[in-house]
Amino acid sequence: MMTGLDRTDRRIVETLARDARLPMGELAARVGVSRRHCRVRLRALESRGVIRGYHLQLEEKALGPHVDAFVRIGLPLNESGARHTLEAVLMDLPEVLEAHLVTGETDYLARVRADKVEALTQLITERLAKLCPNTQLRTSLVVRTLKRP
């Protein structure tokens, strides 16, 4: 639910969520406001951080051979230093596409991508597993993606 947004802001956000490449005139027409008013509203949404960016969605086959995986990472209890280190590494590694602090059996969930299984293995065993003693890692390879945002 989007709070703090009026009806016009909501319509702009919802319209762009379906097609972020709409020209300003088309966006304004779909929202029902003038181009100028739409541009002002859009810039305000961006400056407030409601709209944080526009993203490219690629056809997976165009990327060439690659392997995606989900890595569940469990850290030992009372290892706050390890948490900070892990979070910094997850933010820094280009292979990490997403990283989440989660509840449940593990502490973190990361979606990673490598060009081949050997590179994925090295990422897990050389970079992630050595961050903290007793780190638990569980990896699931993505066989097929059914739906992506």
C-alpha atoms as a PDB file:
ATOM      1  CA  MET A   1       0.000   0.000   0.000  1.00  0.00           C
ATOM      2  CA  MET A   2       1.329   3.426  -0.937  1.00  0.00           C
ATOM      3  CA  THR A   3       0.817   5.873   1.897  1.00  0.00           C
ATOM      4  CA  GLY A   4       1.354   9.606   1.691  1.00  0.00           C
ATOM      5  CA  LEU A   5       0.381   9.682  -1.971  1.00  0.00           C
ATOM      6  CA  ASP A   6      -2.683  11.400  -3.341  1.00  0.00           C
ATOM      7  CA  ARG A   7      -4.799  10.044  -6.172  1.00  0.00           C
ATOM      8  CA  THR A   8      -2.713  11.660  -8.915  1.00  0.00           C
ATOM      9  CA  ASP A   9       0.574  10.402  -7.447  1.00  0.00           C
ATOM     10  CA  ARG A  10      -0.850   6.902  -7.158  1.00  0.00           C
ATOM     11  CA  ARG A  11      -1.993   6.937 -10.780  1.00  0.00           C
ATOM     12  CA  ILE A  12       1.453   8.098 -11.929  1.00  0.00           C
ATOM     13  CA  VAL A  13       3.208   5.378  -9.930  1.00  0.00           C
ATOM     14  CA  GLU A  14       0.800   2.636 -10.991  1.00  0.00           C
ATOM     15  CA  THR A  15       0.998   3.661 -14.657  1.00  0.00           C
ATOM     16  CA  LEU A  16       4.809   3.755 -14.621  1.00  0.00           C
ATOM     17  CA  ALA A  17       4.930   0.396 -12.825  1.00  0.00           C
ATOM     18  CA  ARG A  18       3.252  -1.118 -15.884  1.00  0.00           C
ATOM     19  CA  ASP A  19       5.412   0.776 -18.423  1.00  0.00           C
ATOM     20  CA  ALA A  20       8.248   2.988 -17.182  1.00  0.00           C
ATOM     21  CA  ARG A  21       9.179   4.039 -20.721  1.00  0.00           C
ATOM     22  CA  LEU A  22       6.027   5.987 -21.434  1.00  0.00           C
ATOM     23  CA  PRO A  23       6.675   9.404 -22.975  1.00  0.00           C
ATOM     24  CA  MET A  24       5.620  12.271 -20.716  1.00  0.00           C
ATOM     25  CA  GLY A  25       2.654  13.172 -22.961  1.00  0.00           C
ATOM     26  CA  GLU A  26       1.304   9.619 -22.885  1.00  0.00           C
ATOM     27  CA  LEU A  27       1.823   9.352 -19.129  1.00  0.00           C
ATOM     28  CA  ALA A  28       0.000  12.646 -18.586  1.00  0.00           C
ATOM     29  CA  ALA A  29      -2.884  11.533 -20.802  1.00  0.00           C
ATOM     30  CA  ARG A  30      -3.262   8.220 -18.962  1.00  0.00           C
ATOM     31  CA  VAL A  31      -3.163   9.959 -15.579  1.00  0.00           C
ATOM     32  CA  GLY A  32      -5.513  12.722 -16.735  1.00  0.00           C
ATOM     33  CA  VAL A  33      -3.325  15.776 -16.087  1.00  0.00           C
ATOM     34  CA  SER A  34      -1.339  18.223 -18.217  1.00  0.00           C
ATOM     35  CA  ARG A  35       2.213  17.364 -19.305  1.00  0.00           C
ATOM     36  CA  ARG A  36       3.615  20.166 -17.161  1.00  0.00           C
ATOM     37  CA  HIS A  37       1.682  19.057 -14.071  1.00  0.00           C
ATOM     38  CA  CYS A  38       2.705  15.446 -14.664  1.00  0.00           C
ATOM     39  CA  ARG A  39       6.388  16.414 -15.005  1.00  0.00           C
ATOM     40  CA  VAL A  40       6.248  18.404 -11.743  1.00  0.00           C
ATOM     41  CA  ARG A  41       4.568  15.509  -9.923  1.00  0.00           C
ATOM     42  CA  LEU A  42       7.021  12.972 -11.347  1.00  0.00           C
ATOM     43  CA  ARG A  43      10.049  15.026 -10.277  1.00  0.00           C
ATOM     44  CA  ALA A  44       8.546  15.420  -6.797  1.00  0.00           C
ATOM     45  CA  LEU A  45       8.027  11.646  -6.537  1.00  0.00           C
ATOM     46  CA  GLU A  46      11.656  11.097  -7.569  1.00  0.00           C
ATOM     47  CA  SER A  47      13.044  13.727  -5.161  1.00  0.00           C
ATOM     48  CA  ARG A  48      11.005  12.260  -2.270  1.00  0.00           C
ATOM     49  CA  GLY A  49      12.428   8.824  -3.025  1.00  0.00           C
ATOM     50  CA  VAL A  50       9.053   7.295  -3.883  1.00  0.00           C
ATOM     51  CA  ILE A  51      10.425   6.524  -7.339  1.00  0.00           C
ATOM     52  CA  ARG A  52      14.007   5.393  -6.802  1.00  0.00           C
ATOM     53  CA  GLY A  53      14.913   4.458 -10.351  1.00  0.00           C
ATOM     54  CA  TYR A  54      13.947   2.964 -13.651  1.00  0.00           C
ATOM     55  CA  HIS A  55      15.150  -0.520 -14.477  1.00  0.00           C
ATOM     56  CA  LEU A  56      15.951  -2.542 -17.515  1.00  0.00           C
ATOM     57  CA  GLN A  57      14.447  -6.009 -17.788  1.00  0.00           C
ATOM     58  CA  LEU A  58      16.463  -8.266 -20.078  1.00  0.00           C
ATOM     59  CA  GLU A  59      15.571 -11.444 -21.859  1.00  0.00           C
ATOM     60  CA  GLU A  60      17.501 -14.062 -19.880  1.00  0.00           C
ATOM     61  CA  LYS A  61      18.745 -15.847 -23.015  1.00  0.00           C
ATOM     62  CA  ALA A  62      20.359 -12.612 -24.228  1.00  0.00           C
ATOM     63  CA  LEU A  63      22.724 -12.718 -21.243  1.00  0.00           C
ATOM     64  CA  GLY A  64      24.383 -15.845 -22.578  1.00  0.00           C
ATOM     65  CA  PRO A  65      25.177 -18.871 -20.457  1.00  0.00           C
ATOM     66  CA  HIS A  66      24.814 -18.220 -16.744  1.00  0.00           C
ATOM     67  CA  VAL A  67      23.601 -19.846 -13.565  1.00  0.00           C
ATOM     68  CA  ASP A  68      21.389 -18.212 -10.951  1.00  0.00           C
ATOM     69  CA  ALA A  69      21.070 -19.457  -7.413  1.00  0.00           C
ATOM     70  CA  PHE A  70      19.541 -18.569  -4.079  1.00  0.00           C
ATOM     71  CA  VAL A  71      21.952 -18.748  -1.173  1.00  0.00           C
ATOM     72  CA  ARG A  72      20.540 -18.976   2.344  1.00  0.00           C
ATOM     73  CA  ILE A  73      23.112 -17.785   4.865  1.00  0.00           C
ATOM     74  CA  GLY A  74      22.964 -18.554   8.575  1.00  0.00           C
ATOM     75  CA  LEU A  75      25.355 -16.866  10.986  1.00  0.00           C
ATOM     76  CA  PRO A  76      26.211 -18.010  14.508  1.00  0.00           C
ATOM     77  CA  LEU A  77      24.292 -16.290  17.315  1.00  0.00           C
ATOM     78  CA  ASN A  78      25.811 -13.161  18.835  1.00  0.00           C
ATOM     79  CA  GLU A  79      28.051 -12.479  15.855  1.00  0.00           C
ATOM     80  CA  SER A  80      27.184  -8.821  15.209  1.00  0.00           C
ATOM     81  CA  GLY A  81      30.600  -8.196  13.659  1.00  0.00           C
ATOM     82  CA  ALA A  82      29.983 -11.016  11.215  1.00  0.00           C
ATOM     83  CA  ARG A  83      26.614  -9.511  10.310  1.00  0.00           C
ATOM     84  CA  HIS A  84      28.157  -6.161   9.417  1.00  0.00           C
ATOM     85  CA  THR A  85      30.932  -7.835   7.427  1.00  0.00           C
ATOM     86  CA  LEU A  86      28.494 -10.088   5.573  1.00  0.00           C
ATOM     87  CA  GLU A  87      26.159  -7.211   4.731  1.00  0.00           C
ATOM     88  CA  ALA A  88      29.063  -5.139   3.395  1.00  0.00           C
ATOM     89  CA  VAL A  89      30.256  -8.050   1.248  1.00  0.00           C
ATOM     90  CA  LEU A  90      26.754  -8.752  -0.074  1.00  0.00           C
ATOM     91  CA  MET A  91      26.368  -5.096  -1.035  1.00  0.00           C
ATOM     92  CA  ASP A  92      29.772  -5.038  -2.736  1.00  0.00           C
ATOM     93  CA  LEU A  93      29.767  -8.260  -4.769  1.00  0.00           C
ATOM     94  CA  PRO A  94      28.545  -7.731  -8.343  1.00  0.00           C
ATOM     95  CA  GLU A  95      27.380 -11.371  -8.477  1.00  0.00           C
ATOM     96  CA  VAL A  96      24.817 -10.628  -5.760  1.00  0.00           C
ATOM     97  CA  LEU A  97      21.662  -9.450  -7.509  1.00  0.00           C
ATOM     98  CA  GLU A  98      19.501  -9.246  -4.378  1.00  0.00           C
ATOM     99  CA  ALA A  99      20.171  -9.582  -0.663  1.00  0.00           C
ATOM    100  CA  HIS A 100      17.613  -9.769   2.144  1.00  0.00           C
ATOM    101  CA  LEU A 101      17.689 -10.108   5.925  1.00  0.00           C
ATOM    102  CA  VAL A 102      14.962 -12.688   6.570  1.00  0.00           C
ATOM    103  CA  THR A 103      13.266 -14.596   9.355  1.00  0.00           C
ATOM    104  CA  GLY A 104      13.219 -18.361   9.631  1.00  0.00           C
ATOM    105  CA  GLU A 105      15.928 -20.992   9.594  1.00  0.00           C
ATOM    106  CA  THR A 106      18.548 -18.715   8.053  1.00  0.00           C
ATOM    107  CA  ASP A 107      19.439 -15.055   8.490  1.00  0.00           C
ATOM    108  CA  TYR A 108      19.986 -13.880   4.917  1.00  0.00           C
ATOM    109  CA  LEU A 109      18.756 -14.782   1.475  1.00  0.00           C
ATOM    110  CA  ALA A 110      20.798 -13.739  -1.566  1.00  0.00           C
ATOM    111  CA  ARG A 111      20.082 -14.217  -5.235  1.00  0.00           C
ATOM    112  CA  VAL A 112      23.365 -14.583  -7.091  1.00  0.00           C
ATOM    113  CA  ARG A 113      24.424 -14.993 -10.715  1.00  0.00           C
ATOM    114  CA  ALA A 114      27.615 -16.428 -12.193  1.00  0.00           C
ATOM    115  CA  ASP A 115      28.664 -17.261 -15.728  1.00  0.00           C
ATOM    116  CA  LYS A 116      29.236 -20.919 -14.870  1.00  0.00           C
ATOM    117  CA  VAL A 117      28.877 -23.370 -11.980  1.00  0.00           C
ATOM    118  CA  GLU A 118      32.603 -23.193 -11.178  1.00  0.00           C
ATOM    119  CA  ALA A 119      32.378 -19.420 -10.662  1.00  0.00           C
ATOM    120  CA  LEU A 120      29.321 -19.906  -8.453  1.00  0.00           C
ATOM    121  CA  THR A 121      31.194 -22.515  -6.420  1.00  0.00           C
ATOM    122  CA  GLN A 122      34.120 -20.135  -5.964  1.00  0.00           C
ATOM    123  CA  LEU A 123      31.788 -17.330  -4.890  1.00  0.00           C
ATOM    124  CA  ILE A 124      30.233 -19.534  -2.238  1.00  0.00           C
ATOM    125  CA  THR A 125      33.342 -21.330  -0.967  1.00  0.00           C
ATOM    126  CA  GLU A 126      35.956 -18.590  -1.304  1.00  0.00           C
ATOM    127  CA  ARG A 127      34.026 -15.425  -0.574  1.00  0.00           C
ATOM    128  CA  LEU A 128      30.929 -16.220   1.468  1.00  0.00           C
ATOM    129  CA  ALA A 129      31.867 -19.301   3.500  1.00  0.00           C
ATOM    130  CA  LYS A 130      35.094 -17.765   4.791  1.00  0.00           C
ATOM    131  CA  LEU A 131      33.489 -14.613   6.195  1.00  0.00           C
ATOM    132  CA  CYS A 132      32.814 -16.096   9.592  1.00  0.00           C
ATOM    133  CA  PRO A 133      33.533 -19.445  11.236  1.00  0.00           C
ATOM    134  CA  ASN A 134      30.474 -21.682  11.427  1.00  0.00           C
ATOM    135  CA  THR A 135      28.604 -19.852   8.677  1.00  0.00           C
ATOM    136  CA  GLN A 136      25.842 -22.080   7.324  1.00  0.00           C
ATOM    137  CA  LEU A 137      25.236 -21.872   3.584  1.00  0.00           C
ATOM    138  CA  ARG A 138      22.500 -23.593   1.643  1.00  0.00           C
ATOM    139  CA  THR A 139      22.347 -23.075  -2.096  1.00  0.00           C
ATOM    140  CA  SER A 140      19.517 -23.780  -4.511  1.00  0.00           C
ATOM    141  CA  LEU A 141      20.164 -23.496  -8.240  1.00  0.00           C
ATOM    142  CA  VAL A 142      17.446 -21.833 -10.302  1.00  0.00           C
ATOM    143  CA  VAL A 143      16.250 -24.291 -12.931  1.00  0.00           C
ATOM    144  CA  ARG A 144      13.613 -22.041 -14.518  1.00  0.00           C
ATOM    145  CA  THR A 145      12.139 -18.677 -13.621  1.00  0.00           C
ATOM    146  CA  LEU A 146       8.363 -18.625 -13.829  1.00  0.00           C
ATOM    147  CA  LYS A 147       7.698 -15.008 -12.878  1.00  0.00           C
ATOM    148  CA  ARG A 148       9.860 -11.974 -12.355  1.00  0.00           C
ATOM    149  CA  PRO A 149       8.782  -8.470 -11.311  1.00  0.00           C
END
